[in-house]
Amino acid sequence: TALYVHRHLSPSDLQNLVRNPQGYYPYIQQTATRNVTIDNLQFLN
């Protein structure tokens, strides 16, 4: 995967997501990576 925009999910995050995805996803989104610009790149194979 040439370029990856990522938010690490800890074991605790995964457990909380499985237990209560509707309740916990907003926290994941609020603390994830945001506002990334990728401009004038060439990706080959």
PDB file of all heavy atoms in Angstrom:
ATOM      1  N   THR A   1       0.874  -1.161   0.000  1.00  0.00           N
ATOM      2  CA  THR A   1       0.000   0.000   0.000  1.00  0.00           C
ATOM      3  C   THR A   1       0.910   1.209   0.000  1.00  0.00           C
ATOM      4  O   THR A   1       1.649   1.439   0.959  1.00  0.00           O
ATOM      5  CB  THR A   1      -0.908   0.001   1.232  1.00  0.00           C
ATOM      6  OG1 THR A   1      -1.799  -1.113   1.139  1.00  0.00           O
ATOM      7  CG2 THR A   1      -1.710   1.286   1.329  1.00  0.00           C
ATOM      8  N   ALA A   2       0.872   1.994  -1.061  1.00  0.00           N
ATOM      9  CA  ALA A   2       1.902   3.024  -1.237  1.00  0.00           C
ATOM     10  C   ALA A   2       1.761   4.153  -0.224  1.00  0.00           C
ATOM     11  O   ALA A   2       2.753   4.593   0.372  1.00  0.00           O
ATOM     12  CB  ALA A   2       1.853   3.561  -2.658  1.00  0.00           C
ATOM     13  N   LEU A   3       0.534   4.628  -0.015  1.00  0.00           N
ATOM     14  CA  LEU A   3       0.304   5.731   0.923  1.00  0.00           C
ATOM     15  C   LEU A   3      -0.884   5.369   1.801  1.00  0.00           C
ATOM     16  O   LEU A   3      -1.957   5.031   1.302  1.00  0.00           O
ATOM     17  CB  LEU A   3       0.050   7.029   0.155  1.00  0.00           C
ATOM     18  CG  LEU A   3      -0.009   8.303   0.992  1.00  0.00           C
ATOM     19  CD1 LEU A   3       0.479   9.504   0.174  1.00  0.00           C
ATOM     20  CD2 LEU A   3      -1.418   8.581   1.529  1.00  0.00           C
ATOM     21  N   TYR A   4      -0.683   5.469   3.112  1.00  0.00           N
ATOM     22  CA  TYR A   4      -1.644   4.962   4.077  1.00  0.00           C
ATOM     23  C   TYR A   4      -2.003   6.072   5.056  1.00  0.00           C
ATOM     24  O   TYR A   4      -1.122   6.650   5.708  1.00  0.00           O
ATOM     25  CB  TYR A   4      -1.000   3.798   4.818  1.00  0.00           C
ATOM     26  CG  TYR A   4      -1.903   2.878   5.601  1.00  0.00           C
ATOM     27  CD1 TYR A   4      -3.270   2.838   5.423  1.00  0.00           C
ATOM     28  CD2 TYR A   4      -1.349   1.999   6.545  1.00  0.00           C
ATOM     29  CE1 TYR A   4      -4.074   1.973   6.138  1.00  0.00           C
ATOM     30  CE2 TYR A   4      -2.134   1.118   7.264  1.00  0.00           C
ATOM     31  CZ  TYR A   4      -3.496   1.108   7.067  1.00  0.00           C
ATOM     32  OH  TYR A   4      -4.277   0.240   7.790  1.00  0.00           O
ATOM     33  N   VAL A   5      -3.293   6.396   5.145  1.00  0.00           N
ATOM     34  CA  VAL A   5      -3.788   7.337   6.148  1.00  0.00           C
ATOM     35  C   VAL A   5      -4.432   6.498   7.241  1.00  0.00           C
ATOM     36  O   VAL A   5      -5.400   5.778   6.990  1.00  0.00           O
ATOM     37  CB  VAL A   5      -4.776   8.345   5.543  1.00  0.00           C
ATOM     38  CG1 VAL A   5      -5.220   9.349   6.605  1.00  0.00           C
ATOM     39  CG2 VAL A   5      -4.139   9.068   4.359  1.00  0.00           C
ATOM     40  N   HIS A   6      -3.958   6.623   8.479  1.00  0.00           N
ATOM     41  CA  HIS A   6      -4.123   5.565   9.467  1.00  0.00           C
ATOM     42  C   HIS A   6      -4.437   6.147  10.842  1.00  0.00           C
ATOM     43  O   HIS A   6      -4.012   7.245  11.191  1.00  0.00           O
ATOM     44  CB  HIS A   6      -2.800   4.770   9.505  1.00  0.00           C
ATOM     45  CG  HIS A   6      -2.753   3.676  10.501  1.00  0.00           C
ATOM     46  ND1 HIS A   6      -2.090   3.777  11.699  1.00  0.00           N
ATOM     47  CD2 HIS A   6      -3.263   2.418  10.465  1.00  0.00           C
ATOM     48  CE1 HIS A   6      -2.183   2.636  12.364  1.00  0.00           C
ATOM     49  NE2 HIS A   6      -2.905   1.804  11.654  1.00  0.00           N
ATOM     50  N   ARG A   7      -5.182   5.393  11.610  1.00  0.00           N
ATOM     51  CA  ARG A   7      -5.372   5.638  13.035  1.00  0.00           C
ATOM     52  C   ARG A   7      -5.208   4.295  13.730  1.00  0.00           C
ATOM     53  O   ARG A   7      -5.970   3.356  13.476  1.00  0.00           O
ATOM     54  CB  ARG A   7      -6.757   6.228  13.293  1.00  0.00           C
ATOM     55  CG  ARG A   7      -6.939   6.907  14.679  1.00  0.00           C
ATOM     56  CD  ARG A   7      -7.342   5.934  15.751  1.00  0.00           C
ATOM     57  NE  ARG A   7      -7.868   6.609  16.940  1.00  0.00           N
ATOM     58  CZ  ARG A   7      -7.976   6.013  18.123  1.00  0.00           C
ATOM     59  NH1 ARG A   7      -7.562   4.747  18.286  1.00  0.00           N
ATOM     60  NH2 ARG A   7      -8.491   6.661  19.149  1.00  0.00           N
ATOM     61  N   HIS A   8      -4.219   4.182  14.613  1.00  0.00           N
ATOM     62  CA  HIS A   8      -3.985   2.911  15.308  1.00  0.00           C
ATOM     63  C   HIS A   8      -5.176   2.574  16.197  1.00  0.00           C
ATOM     64  O   HIS A   8      -5.702   3.424  16.921  1.00  0.00           O
ATOM     65  CB  HIS A   8      -2.721   3.016  16.168  1.00  0.00           C
ATOM     66  CG  HIS A   8      -2.494   1.817  17.034  1.00  0.00           C
ATOM     67  ND1 HIS A   8      -2.156   0.586  16.509  1.00  0.00           N
ATOM     68  CD2 HIS A   8      -2.574   1.650  18.381  1.00  0.00           C
ATOM     69  CE1 HIS A   8      -2.028  -0.283  17.495  1.00  0.00           C
ATOM     70  NE2 HIS A   8      -2.290   0.330  18.634  1.00  0.00           N
ATOM     71  N   LEU A   9      -5.605   1.309  16.128  1.00  0.00           N
ATOM     72  CA  LEU A   9      -6.666   0.814  16.987  1.00  0.00           C
ATOM     73  C   LEU A   9      -6.054  -0.146  17.999  1.00  0.00           C
ATOM     74  O   LEU A   9      -5.581  -1.232  17.648  1.00  0.00           O
ATOM     75  CB  LEU A   9      -7.745   0.112  16.159  1.00  0.00           C
ATOM     76  CG  LEU A   9      -8.463   0.988  15.127  1.00  0.00           C
ATOM     77  CD1 LEU A   9      -9.463   0.165  14.327  1.00  0.00           C
ATOM     78  CD2 LEU A   9      -9.147   2.181  15.788  1.00  0.00           C
ATOM     79  N   SER A  10      -6.047   0.259  19.247  1.00  0.00           N
ATOM     80  CA  SER A  10      -5.475  -0.560  20.315  1.00  0.00           C
ATOM     81  C   SER A  10      -6.406  -1.729  20.642  1.00  0.00           C
ATOM     82  O   SER A  10      -7.584  -1.732  20.237  1.00  0.00           O
ATOM     83  CB  SER A  10      -5.281   0.299  21.564  1.00  0.00           C
ATOM     84  OG  SER A  10      -6.553   0.646  22.101  1.00  0.00           O
ATOM     85  N   PRO A  11      -5.928  -2.728  21.388  1.00  0.00           N
ATOM     86  CA  PRO A  11      -6.836  -3.801  21.821  1.00  0.00           C
ATOM     87  C   PRO A  11      -8.061  -3.267  22.558  1.00  0.00           C
ATOM     88  O   PRO A  11      -9.172  -3.770  22.382  1.00  0.00           O
ATOM     89  CB  PRO A  11      -5.949  -4.657  22.730  1.00  0.00           C
ATOM     90  CG  PRO A  11      -4.561  -4.467  22.179  1.00  0.00           C
ATOM     91  CD  PRO A  11      -4.526  -3.027  21.741  1.00  0.00           C
ATOM     92  N   SER A  12      -7.879  -2.213  23.361  1.00  0.00           N
ATOM     93  CA  SER A  12      -9.010  -1.615  24.068  1.00  0.00           C
ATOM     94  C   SER A  12      -9.985  -0.978  23.086  1.00  0.00           C
ATOM     95  O   SER A  12     -11.213  -1.111  23.228  1.00  0.00           O
ATOM     96  CB  SER A  12      -8.507  -0.572  25.066  1.00  0.00           C
ATOM     97  OG  SER A  12      -9.591   0.114  25.672  1.00  0.00           O
ATOM     98  N   ASP A  13      -9.446  -0.268  22.074  1.00  0.00           N
ATOM     99  CA  ASP A  13     -10.317   0.311  21.046  1.00  0.00           C
ATOM    100  C   ASP A  13     -11.145  -0.768  20.355  1.00  0.00           C
ATOM    101  O   ASP A  13     -12.354  -0.606  20.150  1.00  0.00           O
ATOM    102  CB  ASP A  13      -9.477   1.045  19.992  1.00  0.00           C
ATOM    103  CG  ASP A  13      -8.888   2.351  20.486  1.00  0.00           C
ATOM    104  OD1 ASP A  13      -9.491   2.990  21.364  1.00  0.00           O
ATOM    105  OD2 ASP A  13      -7.808   2.719  19.989  1.00  0.00           O
ATOM    106  N   LEU A  14     -10.490  -1.858  19.971  1.00  0.00           N
ATOM    107  CA  LEU A  14     -11.194  -2.930  19.262  1.00  0.00           C
ATOM    108  C   LEU A  14     -12.281  -3.540  20.137  1.00  0.00           C
ATOM    109  O   LEU A  14     -13.394  -3.808  19.668  1.00  0.00           O
ATOM    110  CB  LEU A  14     -10.197  -3.994  18.810  1.00  0.00           C
ATOM    111  CG  LEU A  14      -9.228  -3.556  17.702  1.00  0.00           C
ATOM    112  CD1 LEU A  14      -8.151  -4.620  17.491  1.00  0.00           C
ATOM    113  CD2 LEU A  14      -9.962  -3.289  16.404  1.00  0.00           C
ATOM    114  N   GLN A  15     -11.983  -3.745  21.417  1.00  0.00           N
ATOM    115  CA  GLN A  15     -12.980  -4.309  22.329  1.00  0.00           C
ATOM    116  C   GLN A  15     -14.179  -3.371  22.465  1.00  0.00           C
ATOM    117  O   GLN A  15     -15.337  -3.807  22.437  1.00  0.00           O
ATOM    118  CB  GLN A  15     -12.348  -4.556  23.700  1.00  0.00           C
ATOM    119  CG  GLN A  15     -11.348  -5.700  23.721  1.00  0.00           C
ATOM    120  CD  GLN A  15     -10.588  -5.778  25.041  1.00  0.00           C
ATOM    121  OE1 GLN A  15     -10.915  -5.067  25.996  1.00  0.00           O
ATOM    122  NE2 GLN A  15      -9.569  -6.624  25.086  1.00  0.00           N
ATOM    123  N   ASN A  16     -13.907  -2.077  22.611  1.00  0.00           N
ATOM    124  CA  ASN A  16     -14.998  -1.113  22.754  1.00  0.00           C
ATOM    125  C   ASN A  16     -15.823  -0.995  21.479  1.00  0.00           C
ATOM    126  O   ASN A  16     -17.052  -0.829  21.534  1.00  0.00           O
ATOM    127  CB  ASN A  16     -14.442   0.254  23.146  1.00  0.00           C
ATOM    128  CG  ASN A  16     -14.018   0.308  24.610  1.00  0.00           C
ATOM    129  OD1 ASN A  16     -14.696  -0.230  25.479  1.00  0.00           O
ATOM    130  ND2 ASN A  16     -12.882   0.919  24.884  1.00  0.00           N
ATOM    131  N   LEU A  17     -15.157  -1.083  20.329  1.00  0.00           N
ATOM    132  CA  LEU A  17     -15.888  -1.041  19.072  1.00  0.00           C
ATOM    133  C   LEU A  17     -16.801  -2.251  18.920  1.00  0.00           C
ATOM    134  O   LEU A  17     -17.937  -2.124  18.448  1.00  0.00           O
ATOM    135  CB  LEU A  17     -14.913  -0.977  17.895  1.00  0.00           C
ATOM    136  CG  LEU A  17     -14.306   0.392  17.595  1.00  0.00           C
ATOM    137  CD1 LEU A  17     -13.208   0.266  16.558  1.00  0.00           C
ATOM    138  CD2 LEU A  17     -15.373   1.363  17.109  1.00  0.00           C
ATOM    139  N   VAL A  18     -16.320  -3.404  19.294  1.00  0.00           N
ATOM    140  CA  VAL A  18     -17.145  -4.609  19.196  1.00  0.00           C
ATOM    141  C   VAL A  18     -18.321  -4.538  20.168  1.00  0.00           C
ATOM    142  O   VAL A  18     -19.449  -4.901  19.826  1.00  0.00           O
ATOM    143  CB  VAL A  18     -16.289  -5.864  19.444  1.00  0.00           C
ATOM    144  CG1 VAL A  18     -17.173  -7.111  19.594  1.00  0.00           C
ATOM    145  CG2 VAL A  18     -15.289  -6.068  18.302  1.00  0.00           C
ATOM    146  N   ARG A  19     -18.075  -4.054  21.393  1.00  0.00           N
ATOM    147  CA  ARG A  19     -19.140  -3.982  22.403  1.00  0.00           C
ATOM    148  C   ARG A  19     -20.190  -2.943  22.072  1.00  0.00           C
ATOM    149  O   ARG A  19     -21.389  -3.159  22.259  1.00  0.00           O
ATOM    150  CB  ARG A  19     -18.526  -3.663  23.778  1.00  0.00           C
ATOM    151  CG  ARG A  19     -18.045  -4.875  24.558  1.00  0.00           C
ATOM    152  CD  ARG A  19     -17.899  -4.537  26.041  1.00  0.00           C
ATOM    153  NE  ARG A  19     -16.906  -3.494  26.243  1.00  0.00           N
ATOM    154  CZ  ARG A  19     -15.637  -3.713  26.597  1.00  0.00           C
ATOM    155  NH1 ARG A  19     -15.213  -4.957  26.789  1.00  0.00           N
ATOM    156  NH2 ARG A  19     -14.813  -2.718  26.772  1.00  0.00           N
ATOM    157  N   ASN A  20     -19.738  -1.781  21.575  1.00  0.00           N
ATOM    158  CA  ASN A  20     -20.670  -0.668  21.379  1.00  0.00           C
ATOM    159  C   ASN A  20     -20.207   0.178  20.192  1.00  0.00           C
ATOM    160  O   ASN A  20     -19.725   1.301  20.372  1.00  0.00           O
ATOM    161  CB  ASN A  20     -20.739   0.183  22.654  1.00  0.00           C
ATOM    162  CG  ASN A  20     -21.727   1.335  22.529  1.00  0.00           C
ATOM    163  OD1 ASN A  20     -22.558   1.370  21.620  1.00  0.00           O
ATOM    164  ND2 ASN A  20     -21.626   2.305  23.439  1.00  0.00           N
ATOM    165  N   PRO A  21     -20.348  -0.335  18.983  1.00  0.00           N
ATOM    166  CA  PRO A  21     -19.811   0.410  17.835  1.00  0.00           C
ATOM    167  C   PRO A  21     -20.455   1.782  17.641  1.00  0.00           C
ATOM    168  O   PRO A  21     -19.751   2.761  17.360  1.00  0.00           O
ATOM    169  CB  PRO A  21     -20.079  -0.519  16.649  1.00  0.00           C
ATOM    170  CG  PRO A  21     -21.120  -1.477  17.116  1.00  0.00           C
ATOM    171  CD  PRO A  21     -20.926  -1.629  18.576  1.00  0.00           C
ATOM    172  N   GLN A  22     -21.775   1.881  17.810  1.00  0.00           N
ATOM    173  CA  GLN A  22     -22.423   3.178  17.616  1.00  0.00           C
ATOM    174  C   GLN A  22     -21.944   4.205  18.641  1.00  0.00           C
ATOM    175  O   GLN A  22     -21.809   5.391  18.335  1.00  0.00           O
ATOM    176  CB  GLN A  22     -23.949   3.037  17.711  1.00  0.00           C
ATOM    177  CG  GLN A  22     -24.600   2.396  16.504  1.00  0.00           C
ATOM    178  CD  GLN A  22     -24.530   0.864  16.554  1.00  0.00           C
ATOM    179  OE1 GLN A  22     -24.060   0.291  17.540  1.00  0.00           O
ATOM    180  NE2 GLN A  22     -25.005   0.223  15.508  1.00  0.00           N
ATOM    181  N   GLY A  23     -21.688   3.752  19.848  1.00  0.00           N
ATOM    182  CA  GLY A  23     -21.253   4.672  20.892  1.00  0.00           C
ATOM    183  C   GLY A  23     -19.784   5.026  20.830  1.00  0.00           C
ATOM    184  O   GLY A  23     -19.394   6.140  21.218  1.00  0.00           O
ATOM    185  N   TYR A  24     -18.950   4.090  20.321  1.00  0.00           N
ATOM    186  CA  TYR A  24     -17.501   4.301  20.402  1.00  0.00           C
ATOM    187  C   TYR A  24     -16.900   4.857  19.110  1.00  0.00           C
ATOM    188  O   TYR A  24     -15.843   5.498  19.142  1.00  0.00           O
ATOM    189  CB  TYR A  24     -16.811   2.976  20.769  1.00  0.00           C
ATOM    190  CG  TYR A  24     -15.402   3.165  21.300  1.00  0.00           C
ATOM    191  CD1 TYR A  24     -15.198   3.711  22.570  1.00  0.00           C
ATOM    192  CD2 TYR A  24     -14.291   2.799  20.543  1.00  0.00           C
ATOM    193  CE1 TYR A  24     -13.909   3.883  23.070  1.00  0.00           C
ATOM    194  CE2 TYR A  24     -13.007   2.966  21.034  1.00  0.00           C
ATOM    195  CZ  TYR A  24     -12.827   3.511  22.294  1.00  0.00           C
ATOM    196  OH  TYR A  24     -11.557   3.685  22.786  1.00  0.00           O
ATOM    197  N   TYR A  25     -17.562   4.634  17.995  1.00  0.00           N
ATOM    198  CA  TYR A  25     -17.003   5.123  16.729  1.00  0.00           C
ATOM    199  C   TYR A  25     -16.776   6.637  16.714  1.00  0.00           C
ATOM    200  O   TYR A  25     -15.761   7.108  16.180  1.00  0.00           O
ATOM    201  CB  TYR A  25     -17.876   4.708  15.545  1.00  0.00           C
ATOM    202  CG  TYR A  25     -17.249   3.627  14.693  1.00  0.00           C
ATOM    203  CD1 TYR A  25     -17.849   2.383  14.537  1.00  0.00           C
ATOM    204  CD2 TYR A  25     -16.040   3.844  14.022  1.00  0.00           C
ATOM    205  CE1 TYR A  25     -17.278   1.388  13.758  1.00  0.00           C
ATOM    206  CE2 TYR A  25     -15.462   2.852  13.239  1.00  0.00           C
ATOM    207  CZ  TYR A  25     -16.090   1.636  13.112  1.00  0.00           C
ATOM    208  OH  TYR A  25     -15.518   0.655  12.343  1.00  0.00           O
ATOM    209  N   PRO A  26     -17.686   7.457  17.268  1.00  0.00           N
ATOM    210  CA  PRO A  26     -17.409   8.900  17.260  1.00  0.00           C
ATOM    211  C   PRO A  26     -16.081   9.262  17.916  1.00  0.00           C
ATOM    212  O   PRO A  26     -15.383  10.176  17.449  1.00  0.00           O
ATOM    213  CB  PRO A  26     -18.601   9.485  18.020  1.00  0.00           C
ATOM    214  CG  PRO A  26     -19.700   8.518  17.760  1.00  0.00           C
ATOM    215  CD  PRO A  26     -19.044   7.166  17.757  1.00  0.00           C
ATOM    216  N   TYR A  27     -15.710   8.565  18.979  1.00  0.00           N
ATOM    217  CA  TYR A  27     -14.419   8.832  19.613  1.00  0.00           C
ATOM    218  C   TYR A  27     -13.269   8.477  18.676  1.00  0.00           C
ATOM    219  O   TYR A  27     -12.290   9.234  18.563  1.00  0.00           O
ATOM    220  CB  TYR A  27     -14.301   8.028  20.917  1.00  0.00           C
ATOM    221  CG  TYR A  27     -12.902   8.014  21.484  1.00  0.00           C
ATOM    222  CD1 TYR A  27     -12.368   9.150  22.085  1.00  0.00           C
ATOM    223  CD2 TYR A  27     -12.115   6.850  21.420  1.00  0.00           C
ATOM    224  CE1 TYR A  27     -11.079   9.138  22.598  1.00  0.00           C
ATOM    225  CE2 TYR A  27     -10.832   6.847  21.925  1.00  0.00           C
ATOM    226  CZ  TYR A  27     -10.320   7.981  22.511  1.00  0.00           C
ATOM    227  OH  TYR A  27      -9.043   7.975  23.007  1.00  0.00           O
ATOM    228  N   ILE A  28     -13.377   7.354  17.981  1.00  0.00           N
ATOM    229  CA  ILE A  28     -12.338   6.969  17.020  1.00  0.00           C
ATOM    230  C   ILE A  28     -12.207   8.036  15.939  1.00  0.00           C
ATOM    231  O   ILE A  28     -11.101   8.472  15.587  1.00  0.00           O
ATOM    232  CB  ILE A  28     -12.656   5.599  16.393  1.00  0.00           C
ATOM    233  CG1 ILE A  28     -12.618   4.485  17.448  1.00  0.00           C
ATOM    234  CG2 ILE A  28     -11.698   5.286  15.241  1.00  0.00           C
ATOM    235  CD1 ILE A  28     -11.265   4.276  18.095  1.00  0.00           C
ATOM    236  N   GLN A  29     -13.327   8.489  15.400  1.00  0.00           N
ATOM    237  CA  GLN A  29     -13.288   9.490  14.336  1.00  0.00           C
ATOM    238  C   GLN A  29     -12.732  10.823  14.825  1.00  0.00           C
ATOM    239  O   GLN A  29     -11.979  11.491  14.114  1.00  0.00           O
ATOM    240  CB  GLN A  29     -14.687   9.662  13.743  1.00  0.00           C
ATOM    241  CG  GLN A  29     -15.181   8.426  12.998  1.00  0.00           C
ATOM    242  CD  GLN A  29     -16.628   8.563  12.559  1.00  0.00           C
ATOM    243  OE1 GLN A  29     -17.486   8.965  13.340  1.00  0.00           O
ATOM    244  NE2 GLN A  29     -16.910   8.229  11.310  1.00  0.00           N
ATOM    245  N   GLN A  30     -13.085  11.218  16.043  1.00  0.00           N
ATOM    246  CA  GLN A  30     -12.611  12.492  16.572  1.00  0.00           C
ATOM    247  C   GLN A  30     -11.110  12.483  16.859  1.00  0.00           C
ATOM    248  O   GLN A  30     -10.468  13.544  16.849  1.00  0.00           O
ATOM    249  CB  GLN A  30     -13.371  12.840  17.856  1.00  0.00           C
ATOM    250  CG  GLN A  30     -14.829  13.195  17.623  1.00  0.00           C
ATOM    251  CD  GLN A  30     -15.671  13.061  18.877  1.00  0.00           C
ATOM    252  OE1 GLN A  30     -15.135  12.930  19.985  1.00  0.00           O
ATOM    253  NE2 GLN A  30     -16.984  13.076  18.725  1.00  0.00           N
ATOM    254  N   THR A  31     -10.536  11.322  17.087  1.00  0.00           N
ATOM    255  CA  THR A  31      -9.112  11.229  17.441  1.00  0.00           C
ATOM    256  C   THR A  31      -8.289  10.583  16.326  1.00  0.00           C
ATOM    257  O   THR A  31      -7.156  10.172  16.561  1.00  0.00           O
ATOM    258  CB  THR A  31      -8.944  10.419  18.735  1.00  0.00           C
ATOM    259  OG1 THR A  31      -9.559   9.116  18.570  1.00  0.00           O
ATOM    260  CG2 THR A  31      -9.595  11.123  19.913  1.00  0.00           C
ATOM    261  N   ALA A  32      -8.858  10.517  15.139  1.00  0.00           N
ATOM    262  CA  ALA A  32      -8.147   9.935  14.004  1.00  0.00           C
ATOM    263  C   ALA A  32      -7.399  11.017  13.229  1.00  0.00           C
ATOM    264  O   ALA A  32      -7.482  12.209  13.520  1.00  0.00           O
ATOM    265  CB  ALA A  32      -9.132   9.201  13.090  1.00  0.00           C
ATOM    266  N   THR A  33      -6.662  10.590  12.214  1.00  0.00           N
ATOM    267  CA  THR A  33      -5.906  11.501  11.361  1.00  0.00           C
ATOM    268  C   THR A  33      -6.872  12.293  10.474  1.00  0.00           C
ATOM    269  O   THR A  33      -7.823  11.732   9.932  1.00  0.00           O
ATOM    270  CB  THR A  33      -4.910  10.712  10.515  1.00  0.00           C
ATOM    271  OG1 THR A  33      -4.044   9.973  11.406  1.00  0.00           O
ATOM    272  CG2 THR A  33      -4.078  11.609   9.630  1.00  0.00           C
ATOM    273  N   ARG A  34      -6.593  13.586  10.312  1.00  0.00           N
ATOM    274  CA  ARG A  34      -7.533  14.459   9.596  1.00  0.00           C
ATOM    275  C   ARG A  34      -6.763  15.548   8.846  1.00  0.00           C
ATOM    276  O   ARG A  34      -5.693  15.971   9.261  1.00  0.00           O
ATOM    277  CB  ARG A  34      -8.493  15.094  10.596  1.00  0.00           C
ATOM    278  CG  ARG A  34      -9.559  15.975   9.997  1.00  0.00           C
ATOM    279  CD  ARG A  34     -10.461  16.570  11.073  1.00  0.00           C
ATOM    280  NE  ARG A  34     -11.180  15.540  11.812  1.00  0.00           N
ATOM    281  CZ  ARG A  34     -11.896  15.780  12.904  1.00  0.00           C
ATOM    282  NH1 ARG A  34     -11.953  17.012  13.398  1.00  0.00           N
ATOM    283  NH2 ARG A  34     -12.543  14.805  13.508  1.00  0.00           N
ATOM    284  N   ASN A  35      -7.365  15.989   7.747  1.00  0.00           N
ATOM    285  CA  ASN A  35      -6.819  17.099   6.951  1.00  0.00           C
ATOM    286  C   ASN A  35      -5.437  16.763   6.389  1.00  0.00           C
ATOM    287  O   ASN A  35      -4.419  17.353   6.772  1.00  0.00           O
ATOM    288  CB  ASN A  35      -6.761  18.393   7.769  1.00  0.00           C
ATOM    289  CG  ASN A  35      -8.128  18.946   8.109  1.00  0.00           C
ATOM    290  OD1 ASN A  35      -9.089  18.708   7.384  1.00  0.00           O
ATOM    291  ND2 ASN A  35      -8.225  19.651   9.206  1.00  0.00           N
ATOM    292  N   VAL A  36      -5.432  15.834   5.466  1.00  0.00           N
ATOM    293  CA  VAL A  36      -4.213  15.425   4.760  1.00  0.00           C
ATOM    294  C   VAL A  36      -4.373  15.781   3.291  1.00  0.00           C
ATOM    295  O   VAL A  36      -5.411  15.487   2.686  1.00  0.00           O
ATOM    296  CB  VAL A  36      -3.966  13.909   4.908  1.00  0.00           C
ATOM    297  CG1 VAL A  36      -2.798  13.456   4.039  1.00  0.00           C
ATOM    298  CG2 VAL A  36      -3.728  13.547   6.369  1.00  0.00           C
ATOM    299  N   THR A  37      -3.342  16.399   2.708  1.00  0.00           N
ATOM    300  CA  THR A  37      -3.366  16.741   1.284  1.00  0.00           C
ATOM    301  C   THR A  37      -2.248  16.006   0.556  1.00  0.00           C
ATOM    302  O   THR A  37      -1.084  16.062   0.966  1.00  0.00           O
ATOM    303  CB  THR A  37      -3.204  18.258   1.083  1.00  0.00           C
ATOM    304  OG1 THR A  37      -4.270  18.937   1.739  1.00  0.00           O
ATOM    305  CG2 THR A  37      -3.223  18.608  -0.404  1.00  0.00           C
ATOM    306  N   ILE A  38      -2.630  15.327  -0.525  1.00  0.00           N
ATOM    307  CA  ILE A  38      -1.701  14.579  -1.369  1.00  0.00           C
ATOM    308  C   ILE A  38      -1.782  15.214  -2.750  1.00  0.00           C
ATOM    309  O   ILE A  38      -2.825  15.155  -3.410  1.00  0.00           O
ATOM    310  CB  ILE A  38      -2.108  13.094  -1.434  1.00  0.00           C
ATOM    311  CG1 ILE A  38      -2.216  12.495  -0.024  1.00  0.00           C
ATOM    312  CG2 ILE A  38      -1.145  12.300  -2.305  1.00  0.00           C
ATOM    313  CD1 ILE A  38      -3.223  11.372   0.078  1.00  0.00           C
ATOM    314  N   ASP A  39      -0.710  15.830  -3.195  1.00  0.00           N
ATOM    315  CA  ASP A  39      -0.763  16.674  -4.386  1.00  0.00           C
ATOM    316  C   ASP A  39       0.391  16.351  -5.339  1.00  0.00           C
ATOM    317  O   ASP A  39       1.553  16.294  -4.912  1.00  0.00           O
ATOM    318  CB  ASP A  39      -0.684  18.149  -3.960  1.00  0.00           C
ATOM    319  CG  ASP A  39      -0.874  19.125  -5.113  1.00  0.00           C
ATOM    320  OD1 ASP A  39      -1.287  18.698  -6.214  1.00  0.00           O
ATOM    321  OD2 ASP A  39      -0.611  20.324  -4.898  1.00  0.00           O
ATOM    322  N   ASN A  40       0.054  16.130  -6.598  1.00  0.00           N
ATOM    323  CA  ASN A  40       1.052  15.957  -7.651  1.00  0.00           C
ATOM    324  C   ASN A  40       2.010  14.800  -7.354  1.00  0.00           C
ATOM    325  O   ASN A  40       3.228  14.937  -7.407  1.00  0.00           O
ATOM    326  CB  ASN A  40       1.844  17.253  -7.859  1.00  0.00           C
ATOM    327  CG  ASN A  40       2.735  17.198  -9.099  1.00  0.00           C
ATOM    328  OD1 ASN A  40       2.410  16.528 -10.086  1.00  0.00           O
ATOM    329  ND2 ASN A  40       3.862  17.876  -9.041  1.00  0.00           N
ATOM    330  N   LEU A  41       1.442  13.648  -7.055  1.00  0.00           N
ATOM    331  CA  LEU A  41       2.226  12.424  -6.921  1.00  0.00           C
ATOM    332  C   LEU A  41       1.896  11.482  -8.070  1.00  0.00           C
ATOM    333  O   LEU A  41       0.763  11.447  -8.552  1.00  0.00           O
ATOM    334  CB  LEU A  41       1.946  11.719  -5.597  1.00  0.00           C
ATOM    335  CG  LEU A  41       2.352  12.419  -4.307  1.00  0.00           C
ATOM    336  CD1 LEU A  41       2.227  11.443  -3.131  1.00  0.00           C
ATOM    337  CD2 LEU A  41       3.753  12.989  -4.366  1.00  0.00           C
ATOM    338  N   GLN A  42       2.883  10.704  -8.470  1.00  0.00           N
ATOM    339  CA  GLN A  42       2.671   9.629  -9.438  1.00  0.00           C
ATOM    340  C   GLN A  42       2.936   8.301  -8.731  1.00  0.00           C
ATOM    341  O   GLN A  42       3.984   8.128  -8.111  1.00  0.00           O
ATOM    342  CB  GLN A  42       3.615   9.774 -10.631  1.00  0.00           C
ATOM    343  CG  GLN A  42       3.380  11.008 -11.459  1.00  0.00           C
ATOM    344  CD  GLN A  42       4.276  11.066 -12.666  1.00  0.00           C
ATOM    345  OE1 GLN A  42       4.467  10.069 -13.367  1.00  0.00           O
ATOM    346  NE2 GLN A  42       4.859  12.234 -12.917  1.00  0.00           N
ATOM    347  N   PHE A  43       1.967   7.402  -8.830  1.00  0.00           N
ATOM    348  CA  PHE A  43       2.076   6.073  -8.239  1.00  0.00           C
ATOM    349  C   PHE A  43       2.162   5.064  -9.380  1.00  0.00           C
ATOM    350  O   PHE A  43       1.269   5.023 -10.239  1.00  0.00           O
ATOM    351  CB  PHE A  43       0.853   5.748  -7.385  1.00  0.00           C
ATOM    352  CG  PHE A  43       0.631   6.673  -6.226  1.00  0.00           C
ATOM    353  CD1 PHE A  43      -0.070   7.869  -6.398  1.00  0.00           C
ATOM    354  CD2 PHE A  43       1.104   6.358  -4.964  1.00  0.00           C
ATOM    355  CE1 PHE A  43      -0.298   8.723  -5.339  1.00  0.00           C
ATOM    356  CE2 PHE A  43       0.876   7.212  -3.885  1.00  0.00           C
ATOM    357  CZ  PHE A  43       0.180   8.397  -4.079  1.00  0.00           C
ATOM    358  N   LEU A  44       3.190   4.250  -9.386  1.00  0.00           N
ATOM    359  CA  LEU A  44       3.366   3.261 -10.440  1.00  0.00           C
ATOM    360  C   LEU A  44       3.482   1.869  -9.837  1.00  0.00           C
ATOM    361  O   LEU A  44       4.400   1.584  -9.057  1.00  0.00           O
ATOM    362  CB  LEU A  44       4.617   3.567 -11.267  1.00  0.00           C
ATOM    363  CG  LEU A  44       4.938   2.582 -12.401  1.00  0.00           C
ATOM    364  CD1 LEU A  44       3.804   2.565 -13.438  1.00  0.00           C
ATOM    365  CD2 LEU A  44       6.261   2.952 -13.075  1.00  0.00           C
ATOM    366  N   ASN A  45       2.511   1.023 -10.150  1.00  0.00           N
ATOM    367  CA  ASN A  45       2.530  -0.394  -9.803  1.00  0.00           C
ATOM    368  C   ASN A  45       2.708  -0.688  -8.316  1.00  0.00           C
ATOM    369  O   ASN A  45       3.502  -1.534  -7.927  1.00  0.00           O
ATOM    370  CB  ASN A  45       3.628  -1.109 -10.599  1.00  0.00           C
ATOM    371  CG  ASN A  45       3.478  -2.622 -10.562  1.00  0.00           C
ATOM    372  OD1 ASN A  45       4.468  -3.356 -10.556  1.00  0.00           O
ATOM    373  ND2 ASN A  45       2.260  -3.106 -10.504  1.00  0.00           N
TER     374      ASN A  45
END
